Amino acid sequence: MGHMSEDRTKERVASTTWWPKWEKELSEYIKTCERCQKANRKHGKLYGLLQHIEEPKQPWETINMHWITGLVPEGKEDFNAFPVIVDRYSKSVRCLNVIRRPQQ
């Protein structure tokens, strides 16, 4: 018996064997079967493994950067988005105004 879907496996087992709570036990077994889990792998983008980031030894050696977007400018010279830069060592924050809204 090769690896089949859960439904086909249950059909095959039901045609030859019976024991109390067999359907529940078979479902639990299939959920833990390594070959079944690999065969039923989720489709789509595969994500990488989390990587350890070394703790910085001095300020501004390593930074995190986030973007604040979707702001509604009030005037012609106002910005509608900006990066927020955080130093991982000191937790110091810098915000830069770099993106202007399109001229109308």
PDB file of N, CA and C in Angstrom:
ATOM      1  N   MET A   1       0.858  -1.175   0.000  1.00  0.00           N
ATOM      2  CA  MET A   1       0.000   0.000   0.000  1.00  0.00           C
ATOM      3  C   MET A   1       0.900   1.231   0.000  1.00  0.00           C
ATOM      4  N   GLY A   2       0.816   2.048  -1.057  1.00  0.00           N
ATOM      5  CA  GLY A   2       1.606   3.268  -1.139  1.00  0.00           C
ATOM      6  C   GLY A   2       0.976   4.380  -0.330  1.00  0.00           C
ATOM      7  N   HIS A   3       1.530   5.567  -0.453  1.00  0.00           N
ATOM      8  CA  HIS A   3       0.967   6.716   0.253  1.00  0.00           C
ATOM      9  C   HIS A   3      -0.180   7.295  -0.558  1.00  0.00           C
ATOM     10  N   MET A   4      -1.363   7.294   0.044  1.00  0.00           N
ATOM     11  CA  MET A   4      -2.562   7.789  -0.619  1.00  0.00           C
ATOM     12  C   MET A   4      -3.129   8.939   0.199  1.00  0.00           C
ATOM     13  N   SER A   5      -4.210   9.496  -0.300  1.00  0.00           N
ATOM     14  CA  SER A   5      -4.897  10.530   0.469  1.00  0.00           C
ATOM     15  C   SER A   5      -5.500   9.898   1.719  1.00  0.00           C
ATOM     16  N   GLU A   6      -5.878  10.745   2.666  1.00  0.00           N
ATOM     17  CA  GLU A   6      -6.484  10.230   3.897  1.00  0.00           C
ATOM     18  C   GLU A   6      -7.768   9.468   3.588  1.00  0.00           C
ATOM     19  N   ASP A   7      -8.578   9.987   2.677  1.00  0.00           N
ATOM     20  CA  ASP A   7      -9.841   9.316   2.335  1.00  0.00           C
ATOM     21  C   ASP A   7      -9.601   7.946   1.714  1.00  0.00           C
ATOM     22  N   ARG A   8      -8.669   7.861   0.774  1.00  0.00           N
ATOM     23  CA  ARG A   8      -8.377   6.559   0.141  1.00  0.00           C
ATOM     24  C   ARG A   8      -7.785   5.585   1.137  1.00  0.00           C
ATOM     25  N   THR A   9      -6.953   6.083   2.032  1.00  0.00           N
ATOM     26  CA  THR A   9      -6.376   5.210   3.056  1.00  0.00           C
ATOM     27  C   THR A   9      -7.485   4.648   3.935  1.00  0.00           C
ATOM     28  N   LYS A  10      -8.426   5.496   4.336  1.00  0.00           N
ATOM     29  CA  LYS A  10      -9.545   5.031   5.175  1.00  0.00           C
ATOM     30  C   LYS A  10     -10.407   4.007   4.435  1.00  0.00           C
ATOM     31  N   GLU A  11     -10.653   4.244   3.141  1.00  0.00           N
ATOM     32  CA  GLU A  11     -11.418   3.277   2.350  1.00  0.00           C
ATOM     33  C   GLU A  11     -10.725   1.924   2.326  1.00  0.00           C
ATOM     34  N   ARG A  12      -9.428   1.957   2.113  1.00  0.00           N
ATOM     35  CA  ARG A  12      -8.660   0.707   2.023  1.00  0.00           C
ATOM     36  C   ARG A  12      -8.657  -0.032   3.356  1.00  0.00           C
ATOM     37  N   VAL A  13      -8.440   0.707   4.444  1.00  0.00           N
ATOM     38  CA  VAL A  13      -8.438   0.081   5.773  1.00  0.00           C
ATOM     39  C   VAL A  13      -9.827  -0.460   6.091  1.00  0.00           C
ATOM     40  N   ALA A  14     -10.873   0.304   5.787  1.00  0.00           N
ATOM     41  CA  ALA A  14     -12.247  -0.116   6.092  1.00  0.00           C
ATOM     42  C   ALA A  14     -12.633  -1.388   5.343  1.00  0.00           C
ATOM     43  N   SER A  15     -12.043  -1.609   4.179  1.00  0.00           N
ATOM     44  CA  SER A  15     -12.399  -2.799   3.401  1.00  0.00           C
ATOM     45  C   SER A  15     -11.777  -4.074   3.949  1.00  0.00           C
ATOM     46  N   THR A  16     -10.769  -3.933   4.813  1.00  0.00           N
ATOM     47  CA  THR A  16     -10.087  -5.144   5.307  1.00  0.00           C
ATOM     48  C   THR A  16     -10.019  -5.257   6.821  1.00  0.00           C
ATOM     49  N   THR A  17     -10.219  -4.168   7.539  1.00  0.00           N
ATOM     50  CA  THR A  17      -9.948  -4.167   8.982  1.00  0.00           C
ATOM     51  C   THR A  17     -10.982  -3.334   9.715  1.00  0.00           C
ATOM     52  N   TRP A  18     -11.159  -3.629  10.991  1.00  0.00           N
ATOM     53  CA  TRP A  18     -12.017  -2.805  11.848  1.00  0.00           C
ATOM     54  C   TRP A  18     -11.534  -2.927  13.287  1.00  0.00           C
ATOM     55  N   TRP A  19     -11.559  -1.855  14.035  1.00  0.00           N
ATOM     56  CA  TRP A  19     -11.365  -1.836  15.479  1.00  0.00           C
ATOM     57  C   TRP A  19     -12.056  -0.594  16.018  1.00  0.00           C
ATOM     58  N   PRO A  20     -12.362  -0.558  17.301  1.00  0.00           N
ATOM     59  CA  PRO A  20     -13.056   0.614  17.854  1.00  0.00           C
ATOM     60  C   PRO A  20     -12.236   1.891  17.624  1.00  0.00           C
ATOM     61  N   LYS A  21     -12.905   2.945  17.225  1.00  0.00           N
ATOM     62  CA  LYS A  21     -12.300   4.270  17.011  1.00  0.00           C
ATOM     63  C   LYS A  21     -11.211   4.266  15.936  1.00  0.00           C
ATOM     64  N   TRP A  22     -11.301   3.340  14.977  1.00  0.00           N
ATOM     65  CA  TRP A  22     -10.244   3.231  13.974  1.00  0.00           C
ATOM     66  C   TRP A  22     -10.095   4.500  13.130  1.00  0.00           C
ATOM     67  N   GLU A  23     -11.222   5.147  12.780  1.00  0.00           N
ATOM     68  CA  GLU A  23     -11.121   6.346  11.938  1.00  0.00           C
ATOM     69  C   GLU A  23     -10.362   7.469  12.638  1.00  0.00           C
ATOM     70  N   LYS A  24     -10.681   7.678  13.909  1.00  0.00           N
ATOM     71  CA  LYS A  24      -9.998   8.733  14.677  1.00  0.00           C
ATOM     72  C   LYS A  24      -8.510   8.410  14.824  1.00  0.00           C
ATOM     73  N   GLU A  25      -8.201   7.161  15.166  1.00  0.00           N
ATOM     74  CA  GLU A  25      -6.799   6.763  15.344  1.00  0.00           C
ATOM     75  C   GLU A  25      -6.018   6.857  14.034  1.00  0.00           C
ATOM     76  N   LEU A  26      -6.660   6.472  12.936  1.00  0.00           N
ATOM     77  CA  LEU A  26      -5.986   6.546  11.642  1.00  0.00           C
ATOM     78  C   LEU A  26      -5.727   8.005  11.254  1.00  0.00           C
ATOM     79  N   SER A  27      -6.701   8.881  11.502  1.00  0.00           N
ATOM     80  CA  SER A  27      -6.508  10.309  11.218  1.00  0.00           C
ATOM     81  C   SER A  27      -5.351  10.875  12.025  1.00  0.00           C
ATOM     82  N   GLU A  28      -5.281  10.516  13.306  1.00  0.00           N
ATOM     83  CA  GLU A  28      -4.180  10.984  14.158  1.00  0.00           C
ATOM     84  C   GLU A  28      -2.838  10.464  13.649  1.00  0.00           C
ATOM     85  N   TYR A  29      -2.799   9.207  13.223  1.00  0.00           N
ATOM     86  CA  TYR A  29      -1.558   8.642  12.707  1.00  0.00           C
ATOM     87  C   TYR A  29      -1.117   9.389  11.445  1.00  0.00           C
ATOM     88  N   ILE A  30      -2.055   9.646  10.548  1.00  0.00           N
ATOM     89  CA  ILE A  30      -1.722  10.338   9.300  1.00  0.00           C
ATOM     90  C   ILE A  30      -1.196  11.741   9.591  1.00  0.00           C
ATOM     91  N   LYS A  31      -1.752  12.420  10.590  1.00  0.00           N
ATOM     92  CA  LYS A  31      -1.288  13.767  10.953  1.00  0.00           C
ATOM     93  C   LYS A  31       0.153  13.771  11.440  1.00  0.00           C
ATOM     94  N   THR A  32       0.636  12.637  11.958  1.00  0.00           N
ATOM     95  CA  THR A  32       2.005  12.574  12.476  1.00  0.00           C
ATOM     96  C   THR A  32       2.968  11.867  11.521  1.00  0.00           C
ATOM     97  N   CYS A  33       2.465  11.363  10.405  1.00  0.00           N
ATOM     98  CA  CYS A  33       3.310  10.643   9.449  1.00  0.00           C
ATOM     99  C   CYS A  33       4.212  11.641   8.715  1.00  0.00           C
ATOM    100  N   GLU A  34       5.514  11.455   8.834  1.00  0.00           N
ATOM    101  CA  GLU A  34       6.470  12.385   8.233  1.00  0.00           C
ATOM    102  C   GLU A  34       6.336  12.429   6.712  1.00  0.00           C
ATOM    103  N   ARG A  35       6.182  11.268   6.078  1.00  0.00           N
ATOM    104  CA  ARG A  35       6.049  11.237   4.614  1.00  0.00           C
ATOM    105  C   ARG A  35       4.784  11.958   4.155  1.00  0.00           C
ATOM    106  N   CYS A  36       3.689  11.785   4.913  1.00  0.00           N
ATOM    107  CA  CYS A  36       2.437  12.470   4.547  1.00  0.00           C
ATOM    108  C   CYS A  36       2.597  13.979   4.676  1.00  0.00           C
ATOM    109  N   GLN A  37       3.252  14.429   5.728  1.00  0.00           N
ATOM    110  CA  GLN A  37       3.418  15.871   5.941  1.00  0.00           C
ATOM    111  C   GLN A  37       4.276  16.487   4.845  1.00  0.00           C
ATOM    112  N   LYS A  38       5.313  15.780   4.416  1.00  0.00           N
ATOM    113  CA  LYS A  38       6.153  16.293   3.328  1.00  0.00           C
ATOM    114  C   LYS A  38       5.390  16.313   2.011  1.00  0.00           C
ATOM    115  N   ALA A  39       4.584  15.277   1.765  1.00  0.00           N
ATOM    116  CA  ALA A  39       3.810  15.205   0.524  1.00  0.00           C
ATOM    117  C   ALA A  39       2.729  16.275   0.482  1.00  0.00           C
ATOM    118  N   ASN A  40       2.194  16.640   1.637  1.00  0.00           N
ATOM    119  CA  ASN A  40       1.115  17.625   1.712  1.00  0.00           C
ATOM    120  C   ASN A  40       1.635  19.008   2.069  1.00  0.00           C
ATOM    121  N   ARG A  41       2.889  19.270   1.759  1.00  0.00           N
ATOM    122  CA  ARG A  41       3.501  20.556   2.076  1.00  0.00           C
ATOM    123  C   ARG A  41       2.688  21.691   1.469  1.00  0.00           C
ATOM    124  N   LYS A  42       2.599  22.778   2.189  1.00  0.00           N
ATOM    125  CA  LYS A  42       1.860  23.947   1.713  1.00  0.00           C
ATOM    126  C   LYS A  42       2.532  24.509   0.466  1.00  0.00           C
ATOM    127  N   HIS A  43       1.722  24.935  -0.473  1.00  0.00           N
ATOM    128  CA  HIS A  43       2.238  25.540  -1.692  1.00  0.00           C
ATOM    129  C   HIS A  43       2.381  27.037  -1.482  1.00  0.00           C
ATOM    130  N   GLY A  44       3.175  27.661  -2.304  1.00  0.00           N
ATOM    131  CA  GLY A  44       3.378  29.097  -2.193  1.00  0.00           C
ATOM    132  C   GLY A  44       4.817  29.389  -1.828  1.00  0.00           C
ATOM    133  N   LYS A  45       5.049  30.597  -1.410  1.00  0.00           N
ATOM    134  CA  LYS A  45       6.401  31.043  -1.100  1.00  0.00           C
ATOM    135  C   LYS A  45       6.938  30.301   0.124  1.00  0.00           C
ATOM    136  N   LEU A  46       8.134  29.769  -0.014  1.00  0.00           N
ATOM    137  CA  LEU A  46       8.793  29.118   1.107  1.00  0.00           C
ATOM    138  C   LEU A  46       9.580  30.168   1.875  1.00  0.00           C
ATOM    139  N   TYR A  47       9.407  30.202   3.155  1.00  0.00           N
ATOM    140  CA  TYR A  47      10.090  31.184   3.979  1.00  0.00           C
ATOM    141  C   TYR A  47      11.396  30.602   4.489  1.00  0.00           C
ATOM    142  N   GLY A  48      12.398  31.454   4.614  1.00  0.00           N
ATOM    143  CA  GLY A  48      13.682  31.020   5.131  1.00  0.00           C
ATOM    144  C   GLY A  48      13.635  30.830   6.633  1.00  0.00           C
ATOM    145  N   LEU A  49      14.655  30.218   7.144  1.00  0.00           N
ATOM    146  CA  LEU A  49      14.749  30.024   8.584  1.00  0.00           C
ATOM    147  C   LEU A  49      15.181  31.322   9.247  1.00  0.00           C
ATOM    148  N   LEU A  50      14.727  31.516  10.467  1.00  0.00           N
ATOM    149  CA  LEU A  50      15.167  32.683  11.216  1.00  0.00           C
ATOM    150  C   LEU A  50      16.665  32.580  11.457  1.00  0.00           C
ATOM    151  N   GLN A  51      17.342  33.668  11.298  1.00  0.00           N
ATOM    152  CA  GLN A  51      18.781  33.702  11.505  1.00  0.00           C
ATOM    153  C   GLN A  51      19.102  34.527  12.743  1.00  0.00           C
ATOM    154  N   HIS A  52      20.067  34.075  13.505  1.00  0.00           N
ATOM    155  CA  HIS A  52      20.492  34.813  14.691  1.00  0.00           C
ATOM    156  C   HIS A  52      21.272  36.051  14.251  1.00  0.00           C
ATOM    157  N   ILE A  53      20.959  37.186  14.844  1.00  0.00           N
ATOM    158  CA  ILE A  53      21.688  38.422  14.566  1.00  0.00           C
ATOM    159  C   ILE A  53      22.566  38.705  15.775  1.00  0.00           C
ATOM    160  N   GLU A  54      23.852  38.831  15.533  1.00  0.00           N
ATOM    161  CA  GLU A  54      24.789  39.106  16.619  1.00  0.00           C
ATOM    162  C   GLU A  54      24.421  40.407  17.324  1.00  0.00           C
ATOM    163  N   GLU A  55      24.618  40.443  18.621  1.00  0.00           N
ATOM    164  CA  GLU A  55      24.396  41.675  19.378  1.00  0.00           C
ATOM    165  C   GLU A  55      25.477  42.681  18.986  1.00  0.00           C
ATOM    166  N   PRO A  56      25.096  43.911  18.675  1.00  0.00           N
ATOM    167  CA  PRO A  56      26.102  44.904  18.288  1.00  0.00           C
ATOM    168  C   PRO A  56      27.009  45.262  19.463  1.00  0.00           C
ATOM    169  N   LYS A  57      28.246  45.592  19.136  1.00  0.00           N
ATOM    170  CA  LYS A  57      29.226  45.935  20.170  1.00  0.00           C
ATOM    171  C   LYS A  57      29.433  47.440  20.297  1.00  0.00           C
ATOM    172  N   GLN A  58      28.868  48.204  19.371  1.00  0.00           N
ATOM    173  CA  GLN A  58      28.991  49.661  19.422  1.00  0.00           C
ATOM    174  C   GLN A  58      27.780  50.290  18.726  1.00  0.00           C
ATOM    175  N   PRO A  59      27.524  51.567  19.017  1.00  0.00           N
ATOM    176  CA  PRO A  59      26.375  52.239  18.403  1.00  0.00           C
ATOM    177  C   PRO A  59      26.465  52.273  16.876  1.00  0.00           C
ATOM    178  N   TRP A  60      25.329  52.157  16.248  1.00  0.00           N
ATOM    179  CA  TRP A  60      25.134  52.228  14.804  1.00  0.00           C
ATOM    180  C   TRP A  60      25.866  51.140  14.022  1.00  0.00           C
ATOM    181  N   GLU A  61      26.273  50.094  14.704  1.00  0.00           N
ATOM    182  CA  GLU A  61      26.876  48.948  14.015  1.00  0.00           C
ATOM    183  C   GLU A  61      25.785  48.151  13.285  1.00  0.00           C
ATOM    184  N   THR A  62      24.630  48.036  13.921  1.00  0.00           N
ATOM    185  CA  THR A  62      23.488  47.324  13.343  1.00  0.00           C
ATOM    186  C   THR A  62      22.235  48.154  13.558  1.00  0.00           C
ATOM    187  N   ILE A  63      21.428  48.282  12.507  1.00  0.00           N
ATOM    188  CA  ILE A  63      20.201  49.078  12.625  1.00  0.00           C
ATOM    189  C   ILE A  63      18.992  48.257  12.175  1.00  0.00           C
ATOM    190  N   ASN A  64      17.830  48.678  12.627  1.00  0.00           N
ATOM    191  CA  ASN A  64      16.552  48.198  12.103  1.00  0.00           C
ATOM    192  C   ASN A  64      15.915  49.385  11.405  1.00  0.00           C
ATOM    193  N   MET A  65      15.201  49.101  10.307  1.00  0.00           N
ATOM    194  CA  MET A  65      14.588  50.198   9.561  1.00  0.00           C
ATOM    195  C   MET A  65      13.136  49.856   9.263  1.00  0.00           C
ATOM    196  N   HIS A  66      12.266  50.792   9.548  1.00  0.00           N
ATOM    197  CA  HIS A  66      10.835  50.628   9.314  1.00  0.00           C
ATOM    198  C   HIS A  66      10.345  51.831   8.518  1.00  0.00           C
ATOM    199  N   TRP A  67       9.264  51.661   7.794  1.00  0.00           N
ATOM    200  CA  TRP A  67       8.691  52.756   7.012  1.00  0.00           C
ATOM    201  C   TRP A  67       7.328  53.134   7.557  1.00  0.00           C
ATOM    202  N   ILE A  68       7.116  54.430   7.742  1.00  0.00           N
ATOM    203  CA  ILE A  68       5.809  54.977   8.082  1.00  0.00           C
ATOM    204  C   ILE A  68       5.263  55.541   6.776  1.00  0.00           C
ATOM    205  N   THR A  69       4.151  55.002   6.320  1.00  0.00           N
ATOM    206  CA  THR A  69       3.593  55.419   5.029  1.00  0.00           C
ATOM    207  C   THR A  69       2.122  55.784   5.174  1.00  0.00           C
ATOM    208  N   GLY A  70       1.578  56.334   4.119  1.00  0.00           N
ATOM    209  CA  GLY A  70       0.157  56.648   4.094  1.00  0.00           C
ATOM    210  C   GLY A  70      -0.227  57.900   4.855  1.00  0.00           C
ATOM    211  N   LEU A  71       0.744  58.756   5.152  1.00  0.00           N
ATOM    212  CA  LEU A  71       0.440  60.006   5.846  1.00  0.00           C
ATOM    213  C   LEU A  71      -0.256  60.969   4.895  1.00  0.00           C
ATOM    214  N   VAL A  72      -1.113  61.793   5.421  1.00  0.00           N
ATOM    215  CA  VAL A  72      -1.825  62.776   4.601  1.00  0.00           C
ATOM    216  C   VAL A  72      -1.135  64.125   4.766  1.00  0.00           C
ATOM    217  N   PRO A  73      -0.411  64.588   3.733  1.00  0.00           N
ATOM    218  CA  PRO A  73       0.291  65.871   3.831  1.00  0.00           C
ATOM    219  C   PRO A  73      -0.697  67.027   3.955  1.00  0.00           C
ATOM    220  N   GLU A  74      -0.337  68.002   4.782  1.00  0.00           N
ATOM    221  CA  GLU A  74      -1.203  69.174   4.952  1.00  0.00           C
ATOM    222  C   GLU A  74      -0.831  70.294   3.994  1.00  0.00           C
ATOM    223  N   GLY A  75       0.441  70.442   3.712  1.00  0.00           N
ATOM    224  CA  GLY A  75       0.895  71.520   2.836  1.00  0.00           C
ATOM    225  C   GLY A  75       1.664  70.981   1.652  1.00  0.00           C
ATOM    226  N   LYS A  76       2.062  71.897   0.769  1.00  0.00           N
ATOM    227  CA  LYS A  76       2.782  71.523  -0.439  1.00  0.00           C
ATOM    228  C   LYS A  76       4.138  70.886  -0.141  1.00  0.00           C
ATOM    229  N   GLU A  77       4.782  71.306   0.930  1.00  0.00           N
ATOM    230  CA  GLU A  77       6.125  70.823   1.255  1.00  0.00           C
ATOM    231  C   GLU A  77       6.120  69.657   2.252  1.00  0.00           C
ATOM    232  N   ASP A  78       4.950  69.170   2.633  1.00  0.00           N
ATOM    233  CA  ASP A  78       4.883  68.093   3.624  1.00  0.00           C
ATOM    234  C   ASP A  78       5.227  66.744   2.997  1.00  0.00           C
ATOM    235  N   PHE A  79       5.618  65.830   3.838  1.00  0.00           N
ATOM    236  CA  PHE A  79       6.004  64.489   3.411  1.00  0.00           C
ATOM    237  C   PHE A  79       4.851  63.523   3.656  1.00  0.00           C
ATOM    238  N   ASN A  80       4.741  62.483   2.814  1.00  0.00           N
ATOM    239  CA  ASN A  80       3.689  61.504   3.020  1.00  0.00           C
ATOM    240  C   ASN A  80       4.221  60.148   3.486  1.00  0.00           C
ATOM    241  N   ALA A  81       5.549  60.037   3.638  1.00  0.00           N
ATOM    242  CA  ALA A  81       6.157  58.811   4.152  1.00  0.00           C
ATOM    243  C   ALA A  81       7.567  59.125   4.632  1.00  0.00           C
ATOM    244  N   PHE A  82       8.043  58.338   5.578  1.00  0.00           N
ATOM    245  CA  PHE A  82       9.426  58.512   6.027  1.00  0.00           C
ATOM    246  C   PHE A  82       9.934  57.239   6.692  1.00  0.00           C
ATOM    247  N   PRO A  83      11.267  57.015   6.620  1.00  0.00           N
ATOM    248  CA  PRO A  83      11.844  55.859   7.294  1.00  0.00           C
ATOM    249  C   PRO A  83      12.119  56.171   8.762  1.00  0.00           C
ATOM    250  N   VAL A  84      11.976  55.155   9.592  1.00  0.00           N
ATOM    251  CA  VAL A  84      12.335  55.245  11.008  1.00  0.00           C
ATOM    252  C   VAL A  84      13.499  54.275  11.202  1.00  0.00           C
ATOM    253  N   ILE A  85      14.643  54.798  11.620  1.00  0.00           N
ATOM    254  CA  ILE A  85      15.849  53.992  11.782  1.00  0.00           C
ATOM    255  C   ILE A  85      16.143  53.870  13.269  1.00  0.00           C
ATOM    256  N   VAL A  86      16.325  52.624  13.739  1.00  0.00           N
ATOM    257  CA  VAL A  86      16.573  52.371  15.161  1.00  0.00           C
ATOM    258  C   VAL A  86      17.929  51.693  15.309  1.00  0.00           C
ATOM    259  N   ASP A  87      18.802  52.279  16.112  1.00  0.00           N
ATOM    260  CA  ASP A  87      20.098  51.680  16.430  1.00  0.00           C
ATOM    261  C   ASP A  87      19.860  50.535  17.407  1.00  0.00           C
ATOM    262  N   ARG A  88      20.296  49.332  17.067  1.00  0.00           N
ATOM    263  CA  ARG A  88      20.054  48.173  17.925  1.00  0.00           C
ATOM    264  C   ARG A  88      20.860  48.221  19.220  1.00  0.00           C
ATOM    265  N   TYR A  89      21.963  48.927  19.237  1.00  0.00           N
ATOM    266  CA  TYR A  89      22.801  48.996  20.437  1.00  0.00           C
ATOM    267  C   TYR A  89      22.208  49.949  21.470  1.00  0.00           C
ATOM    268  N   SER A  90      21.948  51.182  21.068  1.00  0.00           N
ATOM    269  CA  SER A  90      21.499  52.213  22.017  1.00  0.00           C
ATOM    270  C   SER A  90      19.983  52.410  22.021  1.00  0.00           C
ATOM    271  N   LYS A  91      19.297  51.826  21.032  1.00  0.00           N
ATOM    272  CA  LYS A  91      17.847  52.019  20.847  1.00  0.00           C
ATOM    273  C   LYS A  91      17.519  53.450  20.431  1.00  0.00           C
ATOM    274  N   SER A  92      18.509  54.183  19.981  1.00  0.00           N
ATOM    275  CA  SER A  92      18.315  55.548  19.504  1.00  0.00           C
ATOM    276  C   SER A  92      17.510  55.511  18.203  1.00  0.00           C
ATOM    277  N   VAL A  93      16.615  56.489  18.028  1.00  0.00           N
ATOM    278  CA  VAL A  93      15.725  56.515  16.866  1.00  0.00           C
ATOM    279  C   VAL A  93      15.994  57.752  16.021  1.00  0.00           C
ATOM    280  N   ARG A  94      16.011  57.567  14.709  1.00  0.00           N
ATOM    281  CA  ARG A  94      16.128  58.681  13.773  1.00  0.00           C
ATOM    282  C   ARG A  94      14.987  58.555  12.764  1.00  0.00           C
ATOM    283  N   CYS A  95      14.322  59.656  12.493  1.00  0.00           N
ATOM    284  CA  CYS A  95      13.268  59.708  11.475  1.00  0.00           C
ATOM    285  C   CYS A  95      13.723  60.665  10.388  1.00  0.00           C
ATOM    286  N   LEU A  96      13.666  60.233   9.151  1.00  0.00           N
ATOM    287  CA  LEU A  96      14.114  61.058   8.034  1.00  0.00           C
ATOM    288  C   LEU A  96      12.941  61.377   7.120  1.00  0.00           C
ATOM    289  N   ASN A  97      12.793  62.638   6.748  1.00  0.00           N
ATOM    290  CA  ASN A  97      11.775  63.023   5.769  1.00  0.00           C
ATOM    291  C   ASN A  97      12.395  62.913   4.386  1.00  0.00           C
ATOM    292  N   VAL A  98      12.038  61.911   3.648  1.00  0.00           N
ATOM    293  CA  VAL A  98      12.671  61.732   2.346  1.00  0.00           C
ATOM    294  C   VAL A  98      11.695  61.583   1.190  1.00  0.00           C
ATOM    295  N   ILE A  99      10.437  61.346   1.456  1.00  0.00           N
ATOM    296  CA  ILE A  99       9.502  61.117   0.365  1.00  0.00           C
ATOM    297  C   ILE A  99       8.437  62.205   0.363  1.00  0.00           C
ATOM    298  N   ARG A 100       8.346  62.902  -0.745  1.00  0.00           N
ATOM    299  CA  ARG A 100       7.326  63.947  -0.878  1.00  0.00           C
ATOM    300  C   ARG A 100       6.142  63.386  -1.658  1.00  0.00           C
ATOM    301  N   ARG A 101       5.003  63.939  -1.389  1.00  0.00           N
ATOM    302  CA  ARG A 101       3.826  63.525  -2.149  1.00  0.00           C
ATOM    303  C   ARG A 101       3.969  64.030  -3.581  1.00  0.00           C
ATOM    304  N   PRO A 102       3.357  63.354  -4.537  1.00  0.00           N
ATOM    305  CA  PRO A 102       3.422  63.812  -5.933  1.00  0.00           C
ATOM    306  C   PRO A 102       2.768  65.180  -6.091  1.00  0.00           C
ATOM    307  N   GLN A 103       3.335  66.007  -6.974  1.00  0.00           N
ATOM    308  CA  GLN A 103       2.766  67.335  -7.244  1.00  0.00           C
ATOM    309  C   GLN A 103       1.437  67.186  -7.972  1.00  0.00           C
ATOM    310  N   GLN A 104       0.501  68.046  -7.625  1.00  0.00           N
ATOM    311  CA  GLN A 104      -0.815  67.977  -8.279  1.00  0.00           C
ATOM    312  C   GLN A 104      -1.048  69.186  -9.147  1.00  0.00           C
TER     313      GLN A 104
END
